[in-house]
């Protein structure tokens, strides 16, 4: 029978790693194809016409924590970090010097990077599916950050009204109507207080990463909860983005 595997989706395709229960066994091609084509978690039946082998598989997708990179370390960043931490996200804060008391104020962040005006993005790595929020309250620094980003974020949120963002983006490669640019950042929930603004930002990022509109559930057709894998912006729902998840493959039996 087929032993248990952990299947990792990489840029080269599905790679199988045997578990302790199965020290060495390659993943059969029909099963790899079935996992790639499956529309969600749950049970699937696999049949190999060449060998006549059959298997019942249970697939569970385990997504890594959402990466959130925040440029800014002001008081309004604190509730954003607090909510994101509660959700299990990994937060990187990029602060401007001297960043006084930033480590204490934002102690729930996983990493704090202090960068100067000459290289505002130095040491900052942006994973493929990371959400980036710019909220420094400084137009010059915001422009410098966006001008020096080495990776184009899949989600780029910019705090502030539209006319301010247009000033920031003037002459840069980003456009305010780009699909990946969310400006003003956040959902329209009437947020005023920093905690409310943080909530609207987190809600928008959640809607983005799950492929939802962020509208009222009463206006949604179909089920509230969608079973299966979490889609990522720009990636087909039927396939997990490269390096974005682990699938635990537990065969209940094989012939």
Protein backbone atom coordinates (compact mmCIF):
# COMPACT_ATOMS: atom_id res chain seq x y z
CA UNK A 1 0.00 0.00 0.00
CA UNK A 2 0.95 3.68 -0.23
CA UNK A 3 2.59 5.03 2.94
CA UNK A 4 1.91 8.44 4.42
CA UNK A 5 3.57 11.44 2.81
CA UNK A 6 3.80 15.16 3.30
CA UNK A 7 3.47 16.86 -0.07
CA UNK A 8 5.06 20.28 -0.53
CA UNK A 9 3.97 22.52 -3.40
CA UNK A 10 7.08 24.20 -4.84
CA UNK A 11 7.90 26.20 -7.96
CA UNK A 12 8.95 22.89 -9.53
CA UNK A 13 5.67 21.15 -8.77
CA UNK A 14 4.59 18.68 -6.11
CA UNK A 15 7.42 17.19 -4.08
CA UNK A 16 6.78 14.28 -1.72
CA UNK A 17 8.60 13.77 1.56
CA UNK A 18 8.13 10.48 3.36
CA UNK A 19 7.07 10.65 6.99
CA UNK A 20 8.57 8.62 9.83
CA UNK A 21 5.97 5.97 9.06
CA UNK A 22 7.29 5.73 5.52
CA UNK A 23 11.05 6.30 5.42
CA UNK A 24 11.38 5.98 1.66
CA UNK A 25 8.75 5.94 -1.05
CA UNK A 26 8.24 8.08 -4.18
CA UNK A 27 4.87 9.72 -4.77
CA UNK A 28 3.13 8.01 -7.70
CA UNK A 29 2.36 10.28 -10.64
CA UNK A 30 -1.43 9.59 -10.64
CA UNK A 31 -1.63 10.64 -7.01
CA UNK A 32 0.44 13.76 -7.60
CA UNK A 33 -1.89 14.67 -10.46
CA UNK A 34 -4.96 14.02 -8.31
CA UNK A 35 -3.67 16.31 -5.57
CA UNK A 36 -2.84 19.08 -8.06
CA UNK A 37 -6.30 18.84 -9.66
CA UNK A 38 -8.32 18.50 -6.45
CA UNK A 39 -10.63 21.42 -5.76
CA UNK A 40 -10.29 21.36 -2.01
CA UNK A 41 -9.64 19.38 1.11
CA UNK A 42 -11.38 16.11 1.81
CA UNK A 43 -11.51 12.61 0.39
CA UNK A 44 -10.61 11.71 -3.19
CA UNK A 45 -10.42 8.41 -5.01
CA UNK A 46 -7.41 7.66 -7.20
CA UNK A 47 -7.26 4.96 -9.87
CA UNK A 48 -4.22 4.16 -11.98
CA UNK A 49 -5.37 2.65 -15.29
CA UNK A 50 -1.89 1.30 -16.02
CA UNK A 51 -1.30 -0.61 -12.79
CA UNK A 52 -4.98 -0.93 -11.76
CA UNK A 53 -3.99 0.39 -8.34
CA UNK A 54 -6.64 2.15 -6.27
CA UNK A 55 -6.32 4.43 -3.28
CA UNK A 56 -8.54 6.53 -1.06
CA UNK A 57 -6.79 9.74 0.00
CA UNK A 58 -7.61 12.35 2.58
CA UNK A 59 -6.19 15.80 1.81
CA UNK A 60 -5.77 18.58 4.34
CA UNK A 61 -4.15 21.85 3.34
CA UNK A 62 -2.07 23.53 6.03
CA UNK A 63 -1.32 27.12 5.06
CA UNK A 64 1.56 29.05 6.65
CA UNK A 65 0.87 32.22 8.63
CA UNK A 66 0.05 35.34 6.65
CA UNK A 67 3.06 37.64 6.38
CA UNK A 68 2.36 41.31 7.16
CA UNK A 69 5.02 43.95 6.57
CA UNK A 70 4.23 47.38 7.97
CA UNK A 71 6.25 50.45 7.11
CA UNK A 72 5.65 52.72 10.07
CA UNK A 73 5.91 52.42 13.84
CA UNK A 74 3.53 55.06 15.16
CA UNK A 75 0.86 54.56 17.83
CA UNK A 76 -1.71 53.61 15.18
CA UNK A 77 0.41 50.59 14.22
CA UNK A 78 -0.01 49.04 17.68
CA UNK A 79 -3.65 47.89 17.24
CA UNK A 80 -2.80 46.63 13.76
CA UNK A 81 -0.05 44.43 15.23
CA UNK A 82 -2.31 43.33 18.09
CA UNK A 83 -5.11 42.14 15.80
CA UNK A 84 -2.74 40.50 13.30
CA UNK A 85 -0.97 38.67 16.13
CA UNK A 86 -4.28 37.37 17.42
CA UNK A 87 -4.90 35.89 13.97
CA UNK A 88 -1.52 34.17 14.04
CA UNK A 89 0.05 36.34 11.34
CA UNK A 90 3.77 37.06 11.22
CA UNK A 91 4.48 40.79 11.45
CA UNK A 92 7.56 42.71 10.37
CA UNK A 93 7.77 46.39 11.33
CA UNK A 94 10.01 48.75 9.38
CA UNK A 95 10.63 51.91 11.40
CA UNK A 96 12.54 55.13 10.81
CA UNK A 97 15.27 56.16 13.26
CA UNK A 98 15.45 56.84 16.11
CA UNK A 99 12.42 54.54 16.59
CA UNK A 100 12.31 55.46 20.27
CA UNK A 101 10.41 52.87 22.33
CA UNK A 102 9.33 51.07 19.14
CA UNK A 103 10.54 47.69 20.43
CA UNK A 104 8.57 48.12 23.65
CA UNK A 105 5.46 49.55 22.00
CA UNK A 106 5.42 46.91 19.25
CA UNK A 107 6.77 44.00 21.25
CA UNK A 108 4.22 41.61 19.74
CA UNK A 109 5.77 42.04 16.29
CA UNK A 110 8.06 39.22 15.22
CA UNK A 111 10.71 41.52 13.79
CA UNK A 112 11.51 45.23 13.86
CA UNK A 113 13.87 46.73 11.27
CA UNK A 114 15.11 50.32 11.54
CA UNK A 115 16.07 51.89 8.21
CA UNK A 116 17.33 55.35 7.30
CA UNK A 117 16.11 57.70 4.59
CA UNK A 118 18.87 56.72 2.16
CA UNK A 119 17.89 53.05 2.13
CA UNK A 120 14.39 52.79 3.62
CA UNK A 121 13.88 49.19 2.50
CA UNK A 122 17.32 47.81 3.40
CA UNK A 123 17.10 44.32 4.85
CA UNK A 124 13.40 43.99 4.06
CA UNK A 125 12.39 40.82 2.22
CA UNK A 126 8.88 40.60 0.80
CA UNK A 127 7.58 37.04 0.36
CA UNK A 128 5.37 36.34 -2.63
CA UNK A 129 2.07 36.35 -0.72
CA UNK A 130 2.94 38.98 1.88
CA UNK A 131 0.70 41.96 2.56
CA UNK A 132 2.53 45.29 2.74
CA UNK A 133 1.05 48.35 4.45
CA UNK A 134 2.66 51.80 4.24
CA UNK A 135 1.62 54.05 7.12
CA UNK A 136 4.58 56.25 8.06
CA UNK A 137 2.57 59.53 7.93
CA UNK A 138 5.50 61.01 6.01
CA UNK A 139 5.03 61.61 2.27
CA UNK A 140 8.75 61.82 1.52
CA UNK A 141 9.48 58.54 3.31
CA UNK A 142 6.48 56.84 1.73
CA UNK A 143 7.77 57.83 -1.72
CA UNK A 144 11.27 56.62 -0.88
CA UNK A 145 9.93 53.29 0.36
CA UNK A 146 7.88 52.64 -2.76
CA UNK A 147 10.69 53.78 -5.04
CA UNK A 148 13.08 51.31 -3.41
CA UNK A 149 10.91 48.21 -3.16
CA UNK A 150 12.79 45.40 -4.87
CA UNK A 151 9.73 43.16 -4.99
CA UNK A 152 6.28 44.24 -6.12
CA UNK A 153 3.88 43.21 -3.34
CA UNK A 154 0.79 41.18 -4.16
CA UNK A 155 -1.05 43.44 -1.72
CA UNK A 156 0.10 47.02 -1.17
CA UNK A 157 -1.99 49.12 1.19
CA UNK A 158 -1.30 52.84 1.55
CA UNK A 159 -2.78 54.83 4.40
CA UNK A 160 -4.37 58.18 3.72
CA UNK A 161 -6.79 59.84 1.28
CA UNK A 162 -6.58 59.36 -2.47
CA UNK A 163 -5.08 62.78 -3.24
CA UNK A 164 -2.21 62.06 -0.83
CA UNK A 165 -1.52 58.70 -2.44
CA UNK A 166 -1.53 60.29 -5.89
CA UNK A 167 1.20 62.67 -4.72
CA UNK A 168 3.21 59.76 -3.35
CA UNK A 169 2.91 57.68 -6.52
CA UNK A 170 3.56 60.53 -8.95
CA UNK A 171 6.45 59.48 -11.18
CA UNK A 172 6.78 56.00 -9.63
CA UNK A 173 6.06 52.65 -11.27
CA UNK A 174 3.01 52.10 -9.06
CA UNK A 175 -0.38 53.44 -10.11
CA UNK A 176 -3.30 54.05 -7.80
CA UNK A 177 -5.54 51.93 -10.05
CA UNK A 178 -3.17 48.94 -10.06
CA UNK A 179 -4.91 45.75 -8.97
CA UNK A 180 -2.36 45.20 -6.22
CA UNK A 181 -2.61 48.75 -4.81
CA UNK A 182 -5.20 49.27 -2.06
CA UNK A 183 -5.47 52.98 -1.43
CA UNK A 184 -6.95 54.23 0.72
CA UNK A 185 -6.16 51.04 2.62
CA UNK A 186 -8.96 49.29 4.49
CA UNK A 187 -12.63 48.51 4.06
CA UNK A 188 -15.26 51.24 4.31
CA UNK A 189 -16.68 50.58 7.77
CA UNK A 190 -16.68 54.19 8.95
CA UNK A 191 -13.44 53.73 10.90
CA UNK A 192 -12.20 56.74 12.87
CA UNK A 193 -10.24 55.52 15.90
CA UNK A 194 -6.88 53.76 15.39
CA UNK A 195 -8.39 50.46 16.55
CA UNK A 196 -11.19 50.79 14.01
CA UNK A 197 -8.77 51.67 11.22
CA UNK A 198 -6.65 48.65 12.13
CA UNK A 199 -9.75 46.46 12.01
CA UNK A 200 -10.68 47.76 8.55
CA UNK A 201 -7.15 47.08 7.26
CA UNK A 202 -7.04 43.55 8.66
CA UNK A 203 -10.51 42.87 7.25
CA UNK A 204 -9.46 44.00 3.78
CA UNK A 205 -6.31 41.87 3.83
CA UNK A 206 -8.40 38.89 4.95
CA UNK A 207 -10.84 39.45 2.09
CA UNK A 208 -7.93 39.76 -0.35
CA UNK A 209 -6.22 36.55 0.76
CA UNK A 210 -9.46 34.55 0.65
CA UNK A 211 -10.67 35.98 -2.64
CA UNK A 212 -13.77 37.62 -1.15
CA UNK A 213 -15.23 41.05 -1.83
CA UNK A 214 -15.48 42.15 1.80
CA UNK A 215 -19.18 42.95 1.44
CA UNK A 216 -22.04 42.00 3.77
CA UNK A 217 -22.70 38.27 4.12
CA UNK A 218 -26.43 38.88 3.60
CA UNK A 219 -25.62 39.85 -0.01
CA UNK A 220 -23.63 36.68 -0.65
CA UNK A 221 -25.09 33.94 -2.83
CA UNK A 222 -24.20 30.44 -1.76
CA UNK A 223 -22.61 29.10 1.42
CA UNK A 224 -20.93 31.37 3.96
CA UNK A 225 -17.94 29.08 4.38
CA UNK A 226 -16.11 27.72 1.37
CA UNK A 227 -14.48 24.35 1.93
CA UNK A 228 -11.04 23.66 0.56
CA UNK A 229 -7.89 25.59 -0.02
CA UNK A 230 -7.51 29.27 0.63
CA UNK A 231 -7.06 31.01 -2.74
CA UNK A 232 -4.40 33.66 -3.11
CA UNK A 233 -4.88 36.81 -5.19
CA UNK A 234 -3.93 36.12 -8.80
CA UNK A 235 -3.58 32.35 -8.31
CA UNK A 236 -6.23 29.88 -9.57
CA UNK A 237 -8.29 28.42 -6.75
CA UNK A 238 -7.63 24.84 -7.86
CA UNK A 239 -3.89 25.12 -7.33
CA UNK A 240 -1.92 26.12 -4.28
CA UNK A 241 0.68 28.86 -4.98
CA UNK A 242 4.34 27.87 -4.99
CA UNK A 243 5.69 27.41 -1.50
CA UNK A 244 2.44 28.55 0.09
CA UNK A 245 1.17 25.43 1.81
CA UNK A 246 1.76 21.90 2.97
CA UNK A 247 -0.69 19.15 2.12
CA UNK A 248 -0.83 16.21 4.50
CA UNK A 249 -1.53 13.08 2.49
CA UNK A 250 -2.92 10.24 4.62
CA UNK A 251 -4.04 7.21 2.60
CA UNK A 252 -6.71 5.14 4.35
CA UNK A 253 -5.86 2.19 2.19
CA UNK A 254 -4.42 1.15 -1.13
CA UNK A 255 -4.66 -1.92 -3.32
